[in-house]
């Protein structure tokens, strides 16, 4: 039993290892800067707004889909089927970004939106496996180990991409940069195979696959909304999560764009910086994941939000690369730990019979939070002509999130 448990946990964590190829190469590190500087060349800070629109649109559509798909998955015991389908969707459309060149703004936005919908939808079903494969007292550390392994995957994919990046943003090197979009797709699908094969559904599908499942999913979604007050602590946490994730997703979508445009990081420097940030992310995910099992997730998340407030104010004040390096390393500690512990917090507060459905709500709140934050950054950047002012505004999300988090009584909900 223990060996089977360990094997399934490892298969689950391998998906974290795999999918970071997409988040690193497409969302955070290379394609985001490629879109702003190459695809939108000559548009200035309007490129920030166009990138924010792409991110916000994809997250809005994914947010609408997530709770419906989660409810359907609970009834049909088809989490793995959905996980595989949406992962492949992400792989296909992210690889097609290879063909996006200078001036192809529509296709650069359209293909990214489809890829990101696939990625975000797949995460709903991936997260929903967590309470099934780990006991409540180990949710924090398993979630943290998953994030840590994800950061190892991020470091690995940056290392294998590095030879294609050393030529920088020169016209001659752009085909090699675009090749990394194909590289991440191959990495994603290959290292997802253990999860696709090794994860097991805990039940069977009594309904079959068809329109009736959509009706069942919609009805269950309606019932959950109607009785949401029965889960007061979870609902309060989701509100806090919605607020502070506005800040986290904005940092994810714009951190390398900020470093490239405001602090003039070269592509080589961005690669080195990203590897260092991912390394501290591993440390943060492991330490805070274990810490949350000792002092409970609420207190742990509170600590990470304080770190985030320091990070955003520090990024605003940083005028030299050395200071930004220090801020980035601290952000690495905060980003993995805050998301890993948030995931385990939802697992603790969620009734087992509503696992996929409530993780769908968790996904909804997180995805809607990726609409306002990034769009605000892009709009403020265009209006003020300054990315510094835009990054400072992000601190407000962490302050408000911290305040709302203090209203959650996790011990009462668990008991």
Protein backbone atom coordinates (compact mmCIF):
# COMPACT_ATOMS: atom_id res chain seq x y z
CA UNK A 1 0.00 0.00 0.00
CA UNK A 2 2.78 2.39 0.98
CA UNK A 3 4.77 1.59 -2.15
CA UNK A 4 1.71 2.14 -4.39
CA UNK A 5 1.03 5.40 -2.60
CA UNK A 6 4.61 6.57 -3.12
CA UNK A 7 4.57 5.59 -6.79
CA UNK A 8 1.34 7.48 -7.46
CA UNK A 9 2.61 10.57 -5.63
CA UNK A 10 5.76 10.52 -7.75
CA UNK A 11 3.72 10.18 -10.95
CA UNK A 12 1.60 13.12 -9.82
CA UNK A 13 4.63 15.27 -9.03
CA UNK A 14 6.17 14.52 -12.44
CA UNK A 15 3.39 16.57 -14.00
CA UNK A 16 4.66 19.58 -12.03
CA UNK A 17 8.12 18.81 -13.46
CA UNK A 18 6.69 18.65 -16.99
CA UNK A 19 4.33 21.59 -17.15
CA UNK A 20 6.86 24.16 -15.93
CA UNK A 21 8.40 23.96 -19.41
CA UNK A 22 5.33 25.81 -20.66
CA UNK A 23 5.19 28.35 -17.84
CA UNK A 24 8.92 29.08 -18.13
CA UNK A 25 9.38 29.28 -21.89
CA UNK A 26 5.99 30.67 -22.91
CA UNK A 27 4.40 32.55 -20.00
CA UNK A 28 7.29 33.89 -17.96
CA UNK A 29 10.68 33.82 -19.57
CA UNK A 30 11.00 33.82 -23.37
CA UNK A 31 7.74 34.17 -25.30
CA UNK A 32 6.42 37.00 -23.10
CA UNK A 33 9.50 39.12 -23.87
CA UNK A 34 9.54 37.92 -27.51
CA UNK A 35 5.93 39.06 -27.92
CA UNK A 36 6.55 42.48 -26.34
CA UNK A 37 9.90 43.23 -28.01
CA UNK A 38 9.70 41.42 -31.36
CA UNK A 39 6.06 40.73 -32.28
CA UNK A 40 4.98 44.19 -31.00
CA UNK A 41 8.19 45.96 -32.03
CA UNK A 42 7.75 49.73 -32.27
CA UNK A 43 4.60 49.86 -30.13
CA UNK A 44 6.32 50.79 -26.88
CA UNK A 45 4.31 50.23 -23.69
CA UNK A 46 1.26 49.35 -25.78
CA UNK A 47 2.93 45.94 -26.03
CA UNK A 48 2.43 45.58 -22.26
CA UNK A 49 -1.29 46.20 -22.69
CA UNK A 50 -1.60 43.73 -25.59
CA UNK A 51 0.21 41.05 -23.58
CA UNK A 52 -2.03 41.73 -20.58
CA UNK A 53 -5.12 41.40 -22.80
CA UNK A 54 -3.87 38.02 -24.04
CA UNK A 55 -3.26 36.81 -20.50
CA UNK A 56 -6.53 38.17 -19.11
CA UNK A 57 -8.65 36.82 -21.98
CA UNK A 58 -7.24 33.31 -21.68
CA UNK A 59 -7.71 33.29 -17.92
CA UNK A 60 -11.27 34.61 -18.19
CA UNK A 61 -12.27 31.83 -20.59
CA UNK A 62 -10.48 29.21 -18.48
CA UNK A 63 -12.25 30.53 -15.38
CA UNK A 64 -15.65 30.02 -16.97
CA UNK A 65 -14.79 26.45 -17.96
CA UNK A 66 -13.10 25.32 -14.74
CA UNK A 67 -16.04 24.82 -12.32
CA UNK A 68 -18.20 23.14 -14.95
CA UNK A 69 -15.41 20.75 -15.92
CA UNK A 70 -14.62 20.10 -12.26
CA UNK A 71 -18.21 19.17 -11.49
CA UNK A 72 -18.39 16.89 -14.52
CA UNK A 73 -15.13 15.20 -13.53
CA UNK A 74 -16.43 14.41 -10.03
CA UNK A 75 -19.48 12.68 -11.45
CA UNK A 76 -17.82 10.90 -14.34
CA UNK A 77 -14.53 10.00 -12.60
CA UNK A 78 -12.76 11.39 -15.64
CA UNK A 79 -10.14 13.70 -14.15
CA UNK A 80 -7.32 11.93 -15.95
CA UNK A 81 -9.13 11.99 -19.28
CA UNK A 82 -9.58 15.76 -18.99
CA UNK A 83 -6.00 16.20 -17.75
CA UNK A 84 -4.62 14.46 -20.84
CA UNK A 85 -6.93 16.27 -23.29
CA UNK A 86 -6.20 19.79 -22.08
CA UNK A 87 -2.48 19.11 -21.71
CA UNK A 88 -2.31 18.03 -25.35
CA UNK A 89 -4.31 21.12 -26.33
CA UNK A 90 -1.72 23.29 -24.61
CA UNK A 91 1.18 21.44 -26.25
CA UNK A 92 -0.26 21.80 -29.75
CA UNK A 93 -1.04 25.50 -29.66
CA UNK A 94 2.09 26.52 -27.76
CA UNK A 95 4.24 24.70 -30.33
CA UNK A 96 2.47 26.63 -33.13
CA UNK A 97 3.90 29.84 -31.64
CA UNK A 98 7.08 28.81 -33.48
CA UNK A 99 5.52 30.32 -36.62
CA UNK A 100 4.73 33.72 -35.02
CA UNK A 101 7.09 36.44 -36.24
CA UNK A 102 7.39 40.22 -36.15
CA UNK A 103 4.08 42.04 -36.66
CA UNK A 104 1.91 38.89 -36.31
CA UNK A 105 0.12 40.34 -33.29
CA UNK A 106 -3.24 38.63 -33.84
CA UNK A 107 -1.74 35.14 -34.22
CA UNK A 108 0.66 35.76 -31.36
CA UNK A 109 -2.27 36.57 -29.10
CA UNK A 110 -4.72 34.00 -30.48
CA UNK A 111 -2.42 30.97 -30.26
CA UNK A 112 -1.23 31.95 -26.79
CA UNK A 113 -4.82 32.34 -25.57
CA UNK A 114 -5.73 28.82 -26.78
CA UNK A 115 -2.55 27.31 -25.31
CA UNK A 116 -3.09 28.99 -21.96
CA UNK A 117 -6.73 27.87 -21.79
CA UNK A 118 -5.50 24.30 -22.25
CA UNK A 119 -2.84 24.70 -19.59
CA UNK A 120 -5.11 26.33 -17.01
CA UNK A 121 -7.94 23.82 -17.55
CA UNK A 122 -5.53 20.90 -17.15
CA UNK A 123 -4.31 22.30 -13.82
CA UNK A 124 -7.84 22.04 -12.39
CA UNK A 125 -7.83 18.25 -12.80
CA UNK A 126 -4.20 17.89 -11.78
CA UNK A 127 -4.81 19.74 -8.50
CA UNK A 128 -7.96 17.67 -7.86
CA UNK A 129 -5.84 14.51 -7.60
CA UNK A 130 -3.91 15.89 -4.60
CA UNK A 131 -6.42 15.06 -1.80
CA UNK A 132 -6.82 11.57 -3.28
CA UNK A 133 -3.14 10.64 -3.31
CA UNK A 134 -2.01 12.21 0.00
CA UNK A 135 -3.47 12.04 3.54
CA UNK A 136 -4.56 15.37 5.13
CA UNK A 137 -1.53 15.55 7.42
CA UNK A 138 0.82 15.34 4.39
CA UNK A 139 -0.99 17.60 1.93
CA UNK A 140 1.36 20.52 2.59
CA UNK A 141 4.59 18.66 2.06
CA UNK A 142 3.38 16.69 -0.98
CA UNK A 143 2.14 19.90 -2.59
CA UNK A 144 5.44 21.59 -1.71
CA UNK A 145 7.49 18.71 -3.11
CA UNK A 146 5.45 18.96 -6.31
CA UNK A 147 6.27 22.64 -6.66
CA UNK A 148 9.92 21.95 -5.85
CA UNK A 149 10.12 19.29 -8.55
CA UNK A 150 8.46 21.77 -10.88
CA UNK A 151 11.24 24.24 -10.22
CA UNK A 152 13.81 21.55 -11.00
CA UNK A 153 12.01 21.06 -14.30
CA UNK A 154 12.15 24.81 -14.93
CA UNK A 155 15.90 24.90 -14.30
CA UNK A 156 16.42 21.88 -16.54
CA UNK A 157 14.43 23.31 -19.45
CA UNK A 158 16.27 26.65 -19.22
CA UNK A 159 19.60 24.80 -19.29
CA UNK A 160 18.72 22.82 -22.42
CA UNK A 161 17.35 25.98 -24.05
CA UNK A 162 20.42 28.06 -23.23
CA UNK A 163 22.44 27.21 -26.38
CA UNK A 164 19.61 28.63 -28.48
CA UNK A 165 19.51 31.88 -26.48
CA UNK A 166 23.14 32.98 -26.33
CA UNK A 167 22.74 34.88 -29.64
CA UNK A 168 20.30 37.25 -27.95
CA UNK A 169 17.56 39.14 -29.79
CA UNK A 170 19.52 39.57 -33.02
CA UNK A 171 17.57 38.94 -36.21
CA UNK A 172 19.78 35.96 -37.05
CA UNK A 173 19.06 34.30 -33.70
CA UNK A 174 15.27 34.69 -33.70
CA UNK A 175 14.64 31.29 -35.38
CA UNK A 176 16.64 29.64 -32.59
CA UNK A 177 14.63 31.51 -29.97
CA UNK A 178 11.40 30.33 -31.62
CA UNK A 179 12.77 26.77 -31.62
CA UNK A 180 12.55 26.81 -27.82
CA UNK A 181 8.76 26.97 -28.22
CA UNK A 182 8.94 23.53 -29.88
CA UNK A 183 11.42 22.34 -27.27
CA UNK A 184 9.09 23.14 -24.37
CA UNK A 185 6.21 21.33 -26.07
CA UNK A 186 8.27 18.16 -26.42
CA UNK A 187 9.49 18.46 -22.81
CA UNK A 188 5.93 18.96 -21.55
CA UNK A 189 4.41 15.94 -23.28
CA UNK A 190 7.29 13.52 -22.60
CA UNK A 191 7.55 14.16 -18.87
CA UNK A 192 3.76 14.20 -18.45
CA UNK A 193 3.58 10.53 -19.46
CA UNK A 194 4.14 9.18 -15.89
CA UNK A 195 1.10 11.15 -14.70
CA UNK A 196 -0.97 10.13 -17.72
CA UNK A 197 -0.15 6.46 -17.10
CA UNK A 198 0.32 6.21 -13.32
CA UNK A 199 -2.53 8.27 -11.85
CA UNK A 200 -5.68 6.26 -11.08
CA UNK A 201 -9.30 7.30 -10.85
CA UNK A 202 -10.90 6.41 -7.51
CA UNK A 203 -14.18 5.10 -8.91
CA UNK A 204 -15.96 4.38 -12.18
CA UNK A 205 -18.11 6.40 -14.58
CA UNK A 206 -21.80 5.46 -14.16
CA UNK A 207 -23.06 7.94 -16.75
CA UNK A 208 -20.98 7.52 -19.88
CA UNK A 209 -19.68 10.45 -21.86
CA UNK A 210 -22.29 12.72 -23.36
CA UNK A 211 -24.49 15.75 -23.03
CA UNK A 212 -26.09 14.45 -19.84
CA UNK A 213 -22.78 15.00 -18.04
CA UNK A 214 -22.85 18.67 -18.99
CA UNK A 215 -26.35 18.98 -17.54
CA UNK A 216 -25.26 17.16 -14.38
CA UNK A 217 -22.21 19.37 -14.07
CA UNK A 218 -24.22 22.57 -14.49
CA UNK A 219 -26.82 21.44 -11.93
CA UNK A 220 -24.16 20.53 -9.39
CA UNK A 221 -22.42 23.84 -10.00
CA UNK A 222 -25.69 25.67 -9.34
CA UNK A 223 -26.29 23.66 -6.16
CA UNK A 224 -22.80 24.48 -4.90
CA UNK A 225 -23.27 28.19 -5.48
CA UNK A 226 -26.64 27.99 -3.74
CA UNK A 227 -25.15 26.35 -0.64
CA UNK A 228 -21.76 28.08 -0.66
CA UNK A 229 -22.48 29.64 2.76
CA UNK A 230 -22.27 26.14 4.24
CA UNK A 231 -18.53 26.30 3.53
CA UNK A 232 -17.84 29.70 5.07
CA UNK A 233 -14.14 29.29 5.82
CA UNK A 234 -13.37 27.93 2.37
CA UNK A 235 -15.33 30.77 0.78
CA UNK A 236 -13.50 33.39 2.87
CA UNK A 237 -10.17 31.85 1.93
CA UNK A 238 -11.07 31.92 -1.77
CA UNK A 239 -11.79 35.64 -1.49
CA UNK A 240 -8.37 36.25 0.07
CA UNK A 241 -6.78 33.94 -2.51
CA UNK A 242 -8.47 35.87 -5.33
CA UNK A 243 -6.96 39.12 -4.08
CA UNK A 244 -3.37 38.07 -3.46
CA UNK A 245 -3.24 35.94 -6.62
CA UNK A 246 -3.89 39.16 -8.56
CA UNK A 247 -0.41 40.16 -7.51
CA UNK A 248 1.26 36.79 -8.01
CA UNK A 249 -0.08 36.24 -11.54
CA UNK A 250 0.91 39.79 -12.50
CA UNK A 251 4.47 39.12 -11.36
CA UNK A 252 4.50 35.82 -13.30
CA UNK A 253 3.29 37.44 -16.52
CA UNK A 254 5.43 40.59 -16.36
CA UNK A 255 8.58 39.90 -14.30
CA UNK A 256 10.92 39.21 -17.21
CA UNK A 257 9.36 41.94 -19.35
CA UNK A 258 10.06 44.35 -16.47
CA UNK A 259 13.63 43.12 -16.09
CA UNK A 260 14.23 43.33 -19.84
CA UNK A 261 12.67 46.73 -20.54
CA UNK A 262 13.15 48.67 -17.28
CA UNK A 263 16.50 47.29 -16.10
CA UNK A 264 17.89 46.33 -19.54
CA UNK A 265 18.64 42.66 -18.80
CA UNK A 266 20.06 40.85 -21.82
CA UNK A 267 18.60 37.49 -22.83
CA UNK A 268 21.65 35.74 -21.37
CA UNK A 269 21.24 37.65 -18.10
CA UNK A 270 17.53 36.78 -18.02
CA UNK A 271 18.39 33.08 -18.35
CA UNK A 272 20.91 33.25 -15.51
CA UNK A 273 18.50 35.27 -13.38
CA UNK A 274 15.66 32.83 -14.01
CA UNK A 275 17.76 29.80 -13.03
CA UNK A 276 18.72 31.51 -9.76
CA UNK A 277 15.09 32.41 -9.00
CA UNK A 278 13.94 28.86 -9.67
CA UNK A 279 16.63 27.54 -7.31
CA UNK A 280 15.33 29.66 -4.42
CA UNK A 281 11.83 28.59 -5.46
CA UNK A 282 12.75 24.97 -4.73
CA UNK A 283 13.97 25.92 -1.27
CA UNK A 284 10.86 27.96 -0.56
CA UNK A 285 8.41 25.30 -1.75
CA UNK A 286 10.02 22.55 0.37
CA UNK A 287 10.54 24.58 3.54
CA UNK A 288 7.16 26.29 3.53
CA UNK A 289 5.38 23.11 2.46
CA UNK A 290 6.71 21.31 5.54
CA UNK A 291 6.14 24.40 7.69
CA UNK A 292 2.45 24.50 6.74
CA UNK A 293 1.99 20.98 8.13
CA UNK A 294 3.38 22.25 11.45
CA UNK A 295 1.85 25.71 11.88
CA UNK A 296 -1.12 25.32 9.48
CA UNK A 297 -1.40 26.90 6.00
CA UNK A 298 -2.96 30.22 7.03
CA UNK A 299 0.03 31.36 9.08
CA UNK A 300 2.41 30.08 6.41
CA UNK A 301 0.65 31.96 3.60
CA UNK A 302 0.66 35.11 5.75
CA UNK A 303 4.45 34.92 5.96
CA UNK A 304 4.77 34.57 2.18
CA UNK A 305 2.49 37.57 1.60
CA UNK A 306 4.76 39.71 3.76
CA UNK A 307 7.64 38.57 1.55
CA UNK A 308 5.63 39.58 -1.53
CA UNK A 309 5.03 43.08 -0.17
CA UNK A 310 8.78 43.48 0.34
CA UNK A 311 9.45 42.14 -3.18
CA UNK A 312 7.12 44.53 -5.02
CA UNK A 313 8.28 47.63 -3.15
CA UNK A 314 11.90 46.54 -3.64
CA UNK A 315 11.35 46.04 -7.40
CA UNK A 316 9.98 49.59 -7.64
CA UNK A 317 13.00 51.02 -5.84
CA UNK A 318 15.62 48.91 -7.67
CA UNK A 319 17.62 50.93 -10.21
CA UNK A 320 20.59 48.62 -10.57
CA UNK A 321 20.68 44.97 -11.58
CA UNK A 322 22.40 43.79 -8.39
CA UNK A 323 19.51 45.00 -6.22
CA UNK A 324 16.97 43.43 -8.57
CA UNK A 325 18.86 40.13 -8.31
CA UNK A 326 18.37 40.16 -4.54
CA UNK A 327 14.69 41.01 -4.93
CA UNK A 328 14.29 38.24 -7.52
CA UNK A 329 15.80 35.61 -5.23
CA UNK A 330 13.37 36.60 -2.49
CA UNK A 331 10.50 36.44 -5.00
CA UNK A 332 11.58 32.90 -5.87
CA UNK A 333 11.16 31.85 -2.24
CA UNK A 334 7.72 33.49 -2.10
CA UNK A 335 6.21 32.36 -5.39
CA UNK A 336 6.49 28.60 -5.04
CA UNK A 337 5.68 28.52 -1.35
CA UNK A 338 2.59 30.75 -1.57
CA UNK A 339 1.05 28.73 -4.39
CA UNK A 340 1.98 25.32 -2.97
CA UNK A 341 0.53 26.11 0.46
CA UNK A 342 -2.59 27.67 -1.08
CA UNK A 343 -3.18 24.41 -2.93
CA UNK A 344 -2.88 22.37 0.26
CA UNK A 345 -5.14 24.84 2.11
CA UNK A 346 -7.94 24.18 -0.38
CA UNK A 347 -7.38 20.45 0.03
CA UNK A 348 -7.81 20.77 3.80
CA UNK A 349 -10.98 22.87 3.59
CA UNK A 350 -12.68 20.86 0.81
CA UNK A 351 -15.28 18.09 1.44
CA UNK A 352 -13.98 14.91 -0.18
CA UNK A 353 -17.15 14.34 -2.19
CA UNK A 354 -16.68 17.72 -3.89
CA UNK A 355 -12.96 17.55 -4.59
CA UNK A 356 -12.89 18.33 -8.32
CA UNK A 357 -15.78 20.75 -8.08
CA UNK A 358 -14.23 22.81 -5.29
CA UNK A 359 -10.83 22.72 -6.91
CA UNK A 360 -12.74 24.09 -9.89
CA UNK A 361 -13.83 27.01 -7.71
CA UNK A 362 -10.24 27.37 -6.54
CA UNK A 363 -9.22 27.50 -10.19
CA UNK A 364 -11.94 30.04 -10.95
CA UNK A 365 -10.81 32.43 -8.24
CA UNK A 366 -7.19 32.06 -9.31
CA UNK A 367 -7.98 32.52 -12.99
CA UNK A 368 -10.24 35.53 -12.49
CA UNK A 369 -7.43 36.99 -10.41
CA UNK A 370 -5.27 36.80 -13.52
CA UNK A 371 -7.64 39.19 -15.30
CA UNK A 372 -7.62 42.32 -13.17
CA UNK A 373 -3.99 42.26 -12.02
CA UNK A 374 -2.20 41.84 -15.36
CA UNK A 375 -4.65 44.16 -17.14
CA UNK A 376 -4.09 46.80 -14.45
CA UNK A 377 -0.34 46.50 -14.92
CA UNK A 378 -0.65 46.92 -18.69
CA UNK A 379 -3.08 49.84 -18.41
CA UNK A 380 -1.02 51.67 -15.78
CA UNK A 381 2.14 51.12 -17.83
CA UNK A 382 0.50 52.71 -20.90
CA UNK A 383 -1.16 55.58 -19.00
CA UNK A 384 1.90 56.57 -16.94
CA UNK A 385 4.54 55.46 -19.42
CA UNK A 386 6.32 53.73 -16.53
CA UNK A 387 6.56 50.06 -15.62
CA UNK A 388 7.88 51.13 -12.20
CA UNK A 389 4.57 52.72 -11.25
CA UNK A 390 2.78 49.63 -12.57
CA UNK A 391 4.86 47.23 -10.45
CA UNK A 392 4.33 49.35 -7.32
CA UNK A 393 0.55 49.06 -7.75
CA UNK A 394 0.88 45.27 -7.40
CA UNK A 395 1.78 45.65 -3.70
CA UNK A 396 -1.83 46.69 -2.96
CA UNK A 397 -3.07 43.20 -3.89
CA UNK A 398 -0.74 41.55 -1.37
CA UNK A 399 -1.68 43.97 1.42
CA UNK A 400 -5.42 43.44 0.89
CA UNK A 401 -4.97 39.69 0.50
CA UNK A 402 -3.11 39.53 3.79
CA UNK A 403 -5.91 41.43 5.56
CA UNK A 404 -8.68 39.19 4.20
CA UNK A 405 -6.70 36.03 4.97
CA UNK A 406 -6.74 36.88 8.67
CA UNK A 407 -10.56 36.45 8.64
CA UNK A 408 -10.25 32.72 7.85
CA UNK A 409 -10.58 30.23 10.73
CA UNK A 410 -8.91 27.16 9.22
CA UNK A 411 -8.92 25.13 12.46
CA UNK A 412 -12.68 25.52 12.86
CA UNK A 413 -13.28 24.38 9.30
CA UNK A 414 -10.98 21.36 9.61
CA UNK A 415 -12.55 20.28 12.90
